[in-house]
Full PDB file with SEQRES, HELIX, SHEET, SSBOND, CRYST1, ORIGX, SCALE, CONECT and MASTER records, all heavy atoms in Angstrom:
SEQRES   1 A   35  TYR SER THR ASP SER VAL LYS GLY ARG PHE THR ILE SER          
SEQRES   2 A   35  GLY ASP ASN ALA LYS ASN THR ALA TYR LEU GLN MET ASN          
SEQRES   3 A   35  SER LEU LYS PRO GLU ASP THR ALA ILE                          
HELIX    1 AA1 PRO A   30  ASP A   32  5                                   3    
SHEET    1 AA1 2 PHE A  10  ASP A  15  0                                        
SHEET    2 AA1 2 THR A  20  MET A  25 -1                                        
CRYST1    1.000    1.000    1.000  90.00  90.00  90.00 P 1           1          
ORIGX1      1.000000  0.000000  0.000000        0.00000                         
ORIGX2      0.000000  1.000000  0.000000        0.00000                         
ORIGX3      0.000000  0.000000  1.000000        0.00000                         
SCALE1      1.000000  0.000000  0.000000        0.00000                         
SCALE2      0.000000  1.000000  0.000000        0.00000                         
SCALE3      0.000000  0.000000  1.000000        0.00000                         
ATOM      1  N   TYR A   1       0.868  -1.168  -0.090  1.00  0.00           N  
ATOM      2  CA  TYR A   1       0.006   0.028   0.073  1.00  0.00           C  
ATOM      3  C   TYR A   1       0.876   1.200   0.000  1.00  0.00           C  
ATOM      4  O   TYR A   1       1.903   1.292   0.734  1.00  0.00           O  
ATOM      5  CB  TYR A   1      -0.911   0.000   1.296  1.00  0.00           C  
ATOM      6  CG  TYR A   1      -1.772   1.208   1.396  1.00  0.00           C  
ATOM      7  CD1 TYR A   1      -2.889   1.414   0.618  1.00  0.00           C  
ATOM      8  CD2 TYR A   1      -1.367   2.267   2.140  1.00  0.00           C  
ATOM      9  CE1 TYR A   1      -3.598   2.623   0.775  1.00  0.00           C  
ATOM     10  CE2 TYR A   1      -2.035   3.495   2.237  1.00  0.00           C  
ATOM     11  CZ  TYR A   1      -3.212   3.600   1.581  1.00  0.00           C  
ATOM     12  OH  TYR A   1      -4.035   4.747   1.640  1.00  0.00           O  
ATOM     13  N   SER A   2       0.561   2.241  -0.805  1.00  0.00           N  
ATOM     14  CA  SER A   2       1.188   3.404  -0.871  1.00  0.00           C  
ATOM     15  C   SER A   2       0.235   4.651  -0.733  1.00  0.00           C  
ATOM     16  O   SER A   2      -0.790   4.543  -1.394  1.00  0.00           O  
ATOM     17  CB  SER A   2       2.098   3.636  -2.100  1.00  0.00           C  
ATOM     18  OG  SER A   2       3.167   2.812  -2.096  1.00  0.00           O  
ATOM     19  N   THR A   3       0.608   5.610   0.024  1.00  0.00           N  
ATOM     20  CA  THR A   3      -0.292   6.749   0.149  1.00  0.00           C  
ATOM     21  C   THR A   3      -0.220   7.657  -1.199  1.00  0.00           C  
ATOM     22  O   THR A   3       0.727   7.573  -1.922  1.00  0.00           O  
ATOM     23  CB  THR A   3       0.071   7.634   1.364  1.00  0.00           C  
ATOM     24  OG1 THR A   3       1.502   8.051   1.272  1.00  0.00           O  
ATOM     25  CG2 THR A   3      -0.126   6.841   2.655  1.00  0.00           C  
ATOM     26  N   ASP A   4      -1.171   8.425  -1.382  1.00  0.00           N  
ATOM     27  CA  ASP A   4      -1.281   9.226  -2.645  1.00  0.00           C  
ATOM     28  C   ASP A   4      -0.105  10.147  -2.776  1.00  0.00           C  
ATOM     29  O   ASP A   4       0.337  10.520  -3.909  1.00  0.00           O  
ATOM     30  CB  ASP A   4      -2.609  10.038  -2.584  1.00  0.00           C  
ATOM     31  CG  ASP A   4      -3.830   9.212  -2.814  1.00  0.00           C  
ATOM     32  OD1 ASP A   4      -3.681   8.012  -3.219  1.00  0.00           O  
ATOM     33  OD2 ASP A   4      -4.931   9.686  -2.475  1.00  0.00           O  
ATOM     34  N   SER A   5       0.467  10.571  -1.607  1.00  0.00           N  
ATOM     35  CA  SER A   5       1.563  11.585  -1.772  1.00  0.00           C  
ATOM     36  C   SER A   5       2.763  11.062  -2.392  1.00  0.00           C  
ATOM     37  O   SER A   5       3.631  11.745  -3.000  1.00  0.00           O  
ATOM     38  CB  SER A   5       1.951  12.122  -0.325  1.00  0.00           C  
ATOM     39  OG  SER A   5       2.391  11.018   0.467  1.00  0.00           O  
ATOM     40  N   VAL A   6       2.901   9.610  -2.433  1.00  0.00           N  
ATOM     41  CA  VAL A   6       4.161   9.015  -2.960  1.00  0.00           C  
ATOM     42  C   VAL A   6       3.877   7.983  -4.067  1.00  0.00           C  
ATOM     43  O   VAL A   6       4.762   7.436  -4.660  1.00  0.00           O  
ATOM     44  CB  VAL A   6       5.057   8.356  -1.828  1.00  0.00           C  
ATOM     45  CG1 VAL A   6       5.422   9.525  -0.873  1.00  0.00           C  
ATOM     46  CG2 VAL A   6       4.300   7.292  -1.270  1.00  0.00           C  
ATOM     47  N   LYS A   7       2.600   7.703  -4.275  1.00  0.00           N  
ATOM     48  CA  LYS A   7       2.242   6.669  -5.200  1.00  0.00           C  
ATOM     49  C   LYS A   7       2.780   7.079  -6.617  1.00  0.00           C  
ATOM     50  O   LYS A   7       2.612   8.230  -7.057  1.00  0.00           O  
ATOM     51  CB  LYS A   7       0.703   6.564  -5.327  1.00  0.00           C  
ATOM     52  CG  LYS A   7       0.232   5.269  -5.964  1.00  0.00           C  
ATOM     53  CD  LYS A   7      -1.349   5.124  -5.848  1.00  0.00           C  
ATOM     54  CE  LYS A   7      -1.726   4.977  -4.386  1.00  0.00           C  
ATOM     55  NZ  LYS A   7      -3.103   4.871  -4.152  1.00  0.00           N  
ATOM     56  N   GLY A   8       3.468   6.075  -7.247  1.00  0.00           N  
ATOM     57  CA  GLY A   8       4.057   6.356  -8.592  1.00  0.00           C  
ATOM     58  C   GLY A   8       5.444   6.847  -8.567  1.00  0.00           C  
ATOM     59  O   GLY A   8       6.150   6.823  -9.527  1.00  0.00           O  
ATOM     60  N   ARG A   9       5.904   7.388  -7.326  1.00  0.00           N  
ATOM     61  CA  ARG A   9       7.273   7.886  -7.203  1.00  0.00           C  
ATOM     62  C   ARG A   9       8.091   6.902  -6.244  1.00  0.00           C  
ATOM     63  O   ARG A   9       9.293   6.669  -6.458  1.00  0.00           O  
ATOM     64  CB  ARG A   9       7.293   9.218  -6.637  1.00  0.00           C  
ATOM     65  CG  ARG A   9       6.646  10.251  -7.492  1.00  0.00           C  
ATOM     66  CD  ARG A   9       6.880  11.714  -7.033  1.00  0.00           C  
ATOM     67  NE  ARG A   9       6.419  11.881  -5.619  1.00  0.00           N  
ATOM     68  CZ  ARG A   9       7.088  12.379  -4.645  1.00  0.00           C  
ATOM     69  NH1 ARG A   9       8.435  12.610  -4.840  1.00  0.00           N  
ATOM     70  NH2 ARG A   9       6.672  12.571  -3.473  1.00  0.00           N  
ATOM     71  N   PHE A  10       7.500   6.367  -5.191  1.00  0.00           N  
ATOM     72  CA  PHE A  10       8.198   5.527  -4.216  1.00  0.00           C  
ATOM     73  C   PHE A  10       7.696   4.097  -4.339  1.00  0.00           C  
ATOM     74  O   PHE A  10       6.480   3.893  -4.538  1.00  0.00           O  
ATOM     75  CB  PHE A  10       7.885   6.059  -2.803  1.00  0.00           C  
ATOM     76  CG  PHE A  10       8.404   7.378  -2.399  1.00  0.00           C  
ATOM     77  CD1 PHE A  10       8.993   8.206  -3.380  1.00  0.00           C  
ATOM     78  CD2 PHE A  10       8.388   7.846  -1.121  1.00  0.00           C  
ATOM     79  CE1 PHE A  10       9.589   9.501  -3.082  1.00  0.00           C  
ATOM     80  CE2 PHE A  10       8.844   9.123  -0.722  1.00  0.00           C  
ATOM     81  CZ  PHE A  10       9.477   9.885  -1.750  1.00  0.00           C  
ATOM     82  N   THR A  11       8.617   3.186  -4.269  1.00  0.00           N  
ATOM     83  CA  THR A  11       8.380   1.819  -4.253  1.00  0.00           C  
ATOM     84  C   THR A  11       8.892   1.092  -3.139  1.00  0.00           C  
ATOM     85  O   THR A  11      10.184   1.138  -2.887  1.00  0.00           O  
ATOM     86  CB  THR A  11       8.892   1.136  -5.592  1.00  0.00           C  
ATOM     87  OG1 THR A  11       8.406   1.890  -6.747  1.00  0.00           O  
ATOM     88  CG2 THR A  11       8.462  -0.280  -5.709  1.00  0.00           C  
ATOM     89  N   ILE A  12       8.150   0.241  -2.439  1.00  0.00           N  
ATOM     90  CA  ILE A  12       8.649  -0.536  -1.388  1.00  0.00           C  
ATOM     91  C   ILE A  12       8.909  -1.972  -1.823  1.00  0.00           C  
ATOM     92  O   ILE A  12       8.119  -2.490  -2.525  1.00  0.00           O  
ATOM     93  CB  ILE A  12       7.566  -0.492  -0.140  1.00  0.00           C  
ATOM     94  CG1 ILE A  12       8.193  -1.094   1.097  1.00  0.00           C  
ATOM     95  CG2 ILE A  12       6.334  -1.276  -0.475  1.00  0.00           C  
ATOM     96  CD1 ILE A  12       7.394  -0.818   2.362  1.00  0.00           C  
ATOM     97  N   SER A  13       9.958  -2.555  -1.238  1.00  0.00           N  
ATOM     98  CA  SER A  13      10.197  -3.879  -1.585  1.00  0.00           C  
ATOM     99  C   SER A  13      11.016  -4.575  -0.499  1.00  0.00           C  
ATOM    100  O   SER A  13      11.281  -3.937   0.508  1.00  0.00           O  
ATOM    101  CB  SER A  13      11.015  -4.000  -2.915  1.00  0.00           C  
ATOM    102  OG  SER A  13      12.382  -3.378  -2.692  1.00  0.00           O  
ATOM    103  N   GLY A  14      11.386  -5.817  -0.637  1.00  0.00           N  
ATOM    104  CA  GLY A  14      12.170  -6.447   0.392  1.00  0.00           C  
ATOM    105  C   GLY A  14      13.007  -7.634  -0.225  1.00  0.00           C  
ATOM    106  O   GLY A  14      12.660  -8.144  -1.258  1.00  0.00           O  
ATOM    107  N   ASP A  15      14.017  -7.996   0.573  1.00  0.00           N  
ATOM    108  CA  ASP A  15      14.879  -9.118   0.267  1.00  0.00           C  
ATOM    109  C   ASP A  15      14.985 -10.059   1.422  1.00  0.00           C  
ATOM    110  O   ASP A  15      15.590  -9.719   2.458  1.00  0.00           O  
ATOM    111  CB  ASP A  15      16.268  -8.683  -0.142  1.00  0.00           C  
ATOM    112  CG  ASP A  15      17.214  -9.779  -0.584  1.00  0.00           C  
ATOM    113  OD1 ASP A  15      17.033 -10.933  -0.201  1.00  0.00           O  
ATOM    114  OD2 ASP A  15      18.072  -9.410  -1.426  1.00  0.00           O  
ATOM    115  N   ASN A  16      14.165 -11.138   1.442  1.00  0.00           N  
ATOM    116  CA  ASN A  16      14.162 -12.102   2.604  1.00  0.00           C  
ATOM    117  C   ASN A  16      15.468 -12.632   2.972  1.00  0.00           C  
ATOM    118  O   ASN A  16      15.808 -12.786   4.090  1.00  0.00           O  
ATOM    119  CB  ASN A  16      13.101 -13.129   2.352  1.00  0.00           C  
ATOM    120  CG  ASN A  16      11.642 -12.674   2.583  1.00  0.00           C  
ATOM    121  OD1 ASN A  16      11.412 -11.937   3.457  1.00  0.00           O  
ATOM    122  ND2 ASN A  16      10.736 -13.110   1.715  1.00  0.00           N  
ATOM    123  N   ALA A  17      16.286 -12.871   1.909  1.00  0.00           N  
ATOM    124  CA  ALA A  17      17.652 -13.399   2.153  1.00  0.00           C  
ATOM    125  C   ALA A  17      18.592 -12.486   2.961  1.00  0.00           C  
ATOM    126  O   ALA A  17      19.386 -12.878   3.801  1.00  0.00           O  
ATOM    127  CB  ALA A  17      18.226 -13.844   0.874  1.00  0.00           C  
ATOM    128  N   LYS A  18      18.357 -11.139   2.704  1.00  0.00           N  
ATOM    129  CA  LYS A  18      19.171 -10.185   3.424  1.00  0.00           C  
ATOM    130  C   LYS A  18      18.368  -9.669   4.546  1.00  0.00           C  
ATOM    131  O   LYS A  18      18.947  -8.809   5.298  1.00  0.00           O  
ATOM    132  CB  LYS A  18      19.484  -9.048   2.423  1.00  0.00           C  
ATOM    133  CG  LYS A  18      20.455  -9.480   1.342  1.00  0.00           C  
ATOM    134  CD  LYS A  18      20.830  -8.286   0.472  1.00  0.00           C  
ATOM    135  CE  LYS A  18      21.841  -8.647  -0.717  1.00  0.00           C  
ATOM    136  NZ  LYS A  18      22.105  -7.617  -1.546  1.00  0.00           N  
ATOM    137  N   ASN A  19      17.140 -10.073   4.829  1.00  0.00           N  
ATOM    138  CA  ASN A  19      16.295  -9.595   5.870  1.00  0.00           C  
ATOM    139  C   ASN A  19      16.251  -8.067   5.848  1.00  0.00           C  
ATOM    140  O   ASN A  19      16.316  -7.383   6.992  1.00  0.00           O  
ATOM    141  CB  ASN A  19      16.833 -10.065   7.239  1.00  0.00           C  
ATOM    142  CG  ASN A  19      15.615 -10.508   8.155  1.00  0.00           C  
ATOM    143  OD1 ASN A  19      14.522 -10.920   7.747  1.00  0.00           O  
ATOM    144  ND2 ASN A  19      15.854 -10.343   9.436  1.00  0.00           N  
ATOM    145  N   THR A  20      16.127  -7.547   4.688  1.00  0.00           N  
ATOM    146  CA  THR A  20      16.112  -6.069   4.578  1.00  0.00           C  
ATOM    147  C   THR A  20      14.990  -5.644   3.618  1.00  0.00           C  
ATOM    148  O   THR A  20      14.696  -6.259   2.698  1.00  0.00           O  
ATOM    149  CB  THR A  20      17.471  -5.639   3.892  1.00  0.00           C  
ATOM    150  OG1 THR A  20      18.582  -6.040   4.760  1.00  0.00           O  
ATOM    151  CG2 THR A  20      17.531  -4.114   3.650  1.00  0.00           C  
ATOM    152  N   ALA A  21      14.357  -4.552   4.055  1.00  0.00           N  
ATOM    153  CA  ALA A  21      13.356  -3.893   3.228  1.00  0.00           C  
ATOM    154  C   ALA A  21      13.931  -2.622   2.611  1.00  0.00           C  
ATOM    155  O   ALA A  21      14.927  -1.997   3.165  1.00  0.00           O  
ATOM    156  CB  ALA A  21      12.082  -3.612   4.025  1.00  0.00           C  
ATOM    157  N   TYR A  22      13.330  -2.250   1.498  1.00  0.00           N  
ATOM    158  CA  TYR A  22      13.813  -1.001   0.814  1.00  0.00           C  
ATOM    159  C   TYR A  22      12.745  -0.012   0.445  1.00  0.00           C  
ATOM    160  O   TYR A  22      11.597  -0.482   0.251  1.00  0.00           O  
ATOM    161  CB  TYR A  22      14.547  -1.495  -0.480  1.00  0.00           C  
ATOM    162  CG  TYR A  22      15.698  -2.415  -0.367  1.00  0.00           C  
ATOM    163  CD1 TYR A  22      15.419  -3.775  -0.538  1.00  0.00           C  
ATOM    164  CD2 TYR A  22      16.909  -2.017   0.063  1.00  0.00           C  
ATOM    165  CE1 TYR A  22      16.484  -4.771  -0.320  1.00  0.00           C  
ATOM    166  CE2 TYR A  22      17.964  -3.000   0.201  1.00  0.00           C  
ATOM    167  CZ  TYR A  22      17.774  -4.298   0.085  1.00  0.00           C  
ATOM    168  OH  TYR A  22      18.790  -5.128   0.270  1.00  0.00           O  
ATOM    169  N   LEU A  23      13.087   1.191   0.322  1.00  0.00           N  
ATOM    170  CA  LEU A  23      12.117   2.173  -0.264  1.00  0.00           C  
ATOM    171  C   LEU A  23      12.977   2.922  -1.395  1.00  0.00           C  
ATOM    172  O   LEU A  23      13.882   3.684  -1.055  1.00  0.00           O  
ATOM    173  CB  LEU A  23      11.697   3.196   0.823  1.00  0.00           C  
ATOM    174  CG  LEU A  23      10.700   4.258   0.359  1.00  0.00           C  
ATOM    175  CD1 LEU A  23       9.334   3.475   0.043  1.00  0.00           C  
ATOM    176  CD2 LEU A  23      10.456   5.278   1.333  1.00  0.00           C  
ATOM    177  N   GLN A  24      12.566   2.642  -2.564  1.00  0.00           N  
ATOM    178  CA  GLN A  24      13.161   3.361  -3.745  1.00  0.00           C  
ATOM    179  C   GLN A  24      12.362   4.592  -3.915  1.00  0.00           C  
ATOM    180  O   GLN A  24      11.166   4.536  -4.175  1.00  0.00           O  
ATOM    181  CB  GLN A  24      13.083   2.409  -4.952  1.00  0.00           C  
ATOM    182  CG  GLN A  24      13.683   3.032  -6.292  1.00  0.00           C  
ATOM    183  CD  GLN A  24      15.071   3.331  -6.190  1.00  0.00           C  
ATOM    184  OE1 GLN A  24      15.890   2.504  -5.728  1.00  0.00           O  
ATOM    185  NE2 GLN A  24      15.565   4.547  -6.553  1.00  0.00           N  
ATOM    186  N   MET A  25      12.972   5.761  -3.919  1.00  0.00           N  
ATOM    187  CA  MET A  25      12.457   7.042  -4.043  1.00  0.00           C  
ATOM    188  C   MET A  25      12.874   7.714  -5.312  1.00  0.00           C  
ATOM    189  O   MET A  25      14.107   7.945  -5.389  1.00  0.00           O  
ATOM    190  CB  MET A  25      12.778   7.924  -2.886  1.00  0.00           C  
ATOM    191  CG  MET A  25      12.370   7.203  -1.562  1.00  0.00           C  
ATOM    192  SD  MET A  25      12.551   8.363  -0.067  1.00  0.00           S  
ATOM    193  CE  MET A  25      14.232   8.601  -0.077  1.00  0.00           C  
ATOM    194  N   ASN A  26      11.952   7.912  -6.182  1.00  0.00           N  
ATOM    195  CA  ASN A  26      12.366   8.661  -7.490  1.00  0.00           C  
ATOM    196  C   ASN A  26      11.593   9.957  -7.586  1.00  0.00           C  
ATOM    197  O   ASN A  26      10.652  10.254  -6.810  1.00  0.00           O  
ATOM    198  CB  ASN A  26      12.012   7.792  -8.637  1.00  0.00           C  
ATOM    199  CG  ASN A  26      12.646   6.370  -8.685  1.00  0.00           C  
ATOM    200  OD1 ASN A  26      13.775   6.319  -8.223  1.00  0.00           O  
ATOM    201  ND2 ASN A  26      12.037   5.397  -9.161  1.00  0.00           N  
ATOM    202  N   SER A  27      12.079  10.882  -8.515  1.00  0.00           N  
ATOM    203  CA  SER A  27      11.475  12.097  -8.745  1.00  0.00           C  
ATOM    204  C   SER A  27      11.313  12.837  -7.437  1.00  0.00           C  
ATOM    205  O   SER A  27      10.154  13.393  -7.163  1.00  0.00           O  
ATOM    206  CB  SER A  27      10.150  11.920  -9.393  1.00  0.00           C  
ATOM    207  OG  SER A  27      10.351  11.252 -10.659  1.00  0.00           O  
ATOM    208  N   LEU A  28      12.346  12.985  -6.664  1.00  0.00           N  
ATOM    209  CA  LEU A  28      12.248  13.588  -5.368  1.00  0.00           C  
ATOM    210  C   LEU A  28      11.982  15.078  -5.510  1.00  0.00           C  
ATOM    211  O   LEU A  28      12.475  15.778  -6.366  1.00  0.00           O  
ATOM    212  CB  LEU A  28      13.524  13.322  -4.549  1.00  0.00           C  
ATOM    213  CG  LEU A  28      13.616  11.863  -3.961  1.00  0.00           C  
ATOM    214  CD1 LEU A  28      15.037  11.471  -3.508  1.00  0.00           C  
ATOM    215  CD2 LEU A  28      12.583  11.696  -2.735  1.00  0.00           C  
ATOM    216  N   LYS A  29      11.191  15.614  -4.475  1.00  0.00           N  
ATOM    217  CA  LYS A  29      10.854  16.960  -4.493  1.00  0.00           C  
ATOM    218  C   LYS A  29      11.354  17.639  -3.168  1.00  0.00           C  
ATOM    219  O   LYS A  29      11.534  16.875  -2.194  1.00  0.00           O  
ATOM    220  CB  LYS A  29       9.361  17.064  -4.564  1.00  0.00           C  
ATOM    221  CG  LYS A  29       8.739  16.396  -5.672  1.00  0.00           C  
ATOM    222  CD  LYS A  29       7.259  16.389  -5.583  1.00  0.00           C  
ATOM    223  CE  LYS A  29       6.538  15.713  -6.734  1.00  0.00           C  
ATOM    224  NZ  LYS A  29       4.941  15.704  -6.583  1.00  0.00           N  
ATOM    225  N   PRO A  30      11.412  18.892  -3.123  1.00  0.00           N  
ATOM    226  CA  PRO A  30      11.931  19.510  -1.878  1.00  0.00           C  
ATOM    227  C   PRO A  30      10.979  19.186  -0.729  1.00  0.00           C  
ATOM    228  O   PRO A  30      11.405  19.129   0.412  1.00  0.00           O  
ATOM    229  CB  PRO A  30      11.895  21.065  -2.221  1.00  0.00           C  
ATOM    230  CG  PRO A  30      12.124  21.141  -3.676  1.00  0.00           C  
ATOM    231  CD  PRO A  30      11.521  19.857  -4.243  1.00  0.00           C  
ATOM    232  N   GLU A  31       9.633  19.097  -1.032  1.00  0.00           N  
ATOM    233  CA  GLU A  31       8.711  18.787   0.022  1.00  0.00           C  
ATOM    234  C   GLU A  31       8.882  17.386   0.588  1.00  0.00           C  
ATOM    235  O   GLU A  31       8.190  16.934   1.590  1.00  0.00           O  
ATOM    236  CB  GLU A  31       7.326  19.006  -0.410  1.00  0.00           C  
ATOM    237  CG  GLU A  31       6.949  18.394  -1.616  1.00  0.00           C  
ATOM    238  CD  GLU A  31       7.051  19.337  -2.882  1.00  0.00           C  
ATOM    239  OE1 GLU A  31       7.989  20.016  -2.973  1.00  0.00           O  
ATOM    240  OE2 GLU A  31       6.178  19.289  -3.785  1.00  0.00           O  
ATOM    241  N   ASP A  32       9.730  16.586  -0.054  1.00  0.00           N  
ATOM    242  CA  ASP A  32      10.057  15.179   0.497  1.00  0.00           C  
ATOM    243  C   ASP A  32      11.122  15.194   1.546  1.00  0.00           C  
ATOM    244  O   ASP A  32      11.425  14.235   2.182  1.00  0.00           O  
ATOM    245  CB  ASP A  32      10.462  14.241  -0.705  1.00  0.00           C  
ATOM    246  CG  ASP A  32       9.482  13.887  -1.618  1.00  0.00           C  
ATOM    247  OD1 ASP A  32       8.337  13.721  -1.251  1.00  0.00           O  
ATOM    248  OD2 ASP A  32       9.776  13.918  -2.845  1.00  0.00           O  
ATOM    249  N   THR A  33      11.687  16.379   1.775  1.00  0.00           N  
ATOM    250  CA  THR A  33      12.673  16.532   2.891  1.00  0.00           C  
ATOM    251  C   THR A  33      12.060  16.228   4.257  1.00  0.00           C  
ATOM    252  O   THR A  33      11.100  16.822   4.737  1.00  0.00           O  
ATOM    253  CB  THR A  33      13.263  17.928   2.861  1.00  0.00           C  
ATOM    254  OG1 THR A  33      13.920  18.257   1.654  1.00  0.00           O  
ATOM    255  CG2 THR A  33      14.164  18.200   4.077  1.00  0.00           C  
ATOM    256  N   ALA A  34      12.610  15.308   4.953  1.00  0.00           N  
ATOM    257  CA  ALA A  34      12.159  14.806   6.217  1.00  0.00           C  
ATOM    258  C   ALA A  34      13.172  13.763   6.788  1.00  0.00           C  
ATOM    259  O   ALA A  34      14.072  13.278   6.090  1.00  0.00           O  
ATOM    260  CB  ALA A  34      10.836  14.226   6.094  1.00  0.00           C  
ATOM    261  N   ILE A  35      12.913  13.349   7.959  1.00  0.00           N  
ATOM    262  CA  ILE A  35      13.510  12.123   8.624  1.00  0.00           C  
ATOM    263  C   ILE A  35      12.631  10.992   8.217  1.00  0.00           C  
ATOM    264  O   ILE A  35      11.422  11.011   8.523  1.00  0.00           O  
ATOM    265  CB  ILE A  35      13.755  12.274  10.122  1.00  0.00           C  
ATOM    266  CG1 ILE A  35      14.557  13.451  10.426  1.00  0.00           C  
ATOM    267  CG2 ILE A  35      14.386  11.018  10.656  1.00  0.00           C  
ATOM    268  CD1 ILE A  35      14.748  13.671  11.953  1.00  0.00           C  
TER     269      ILE A  35                                                      
MASTER        0    0    0    1    2    0    0    6  268    1    0    3          
END                                                                             
């Protein structure tokens, strides 16, 4: 599930072998600045 503010720009995924999840963020905007 992705919220409207990031849908189409951010993609969540995971690698079970590495026990790691990822957030790929594309087309970043100044308003994406945050922790």
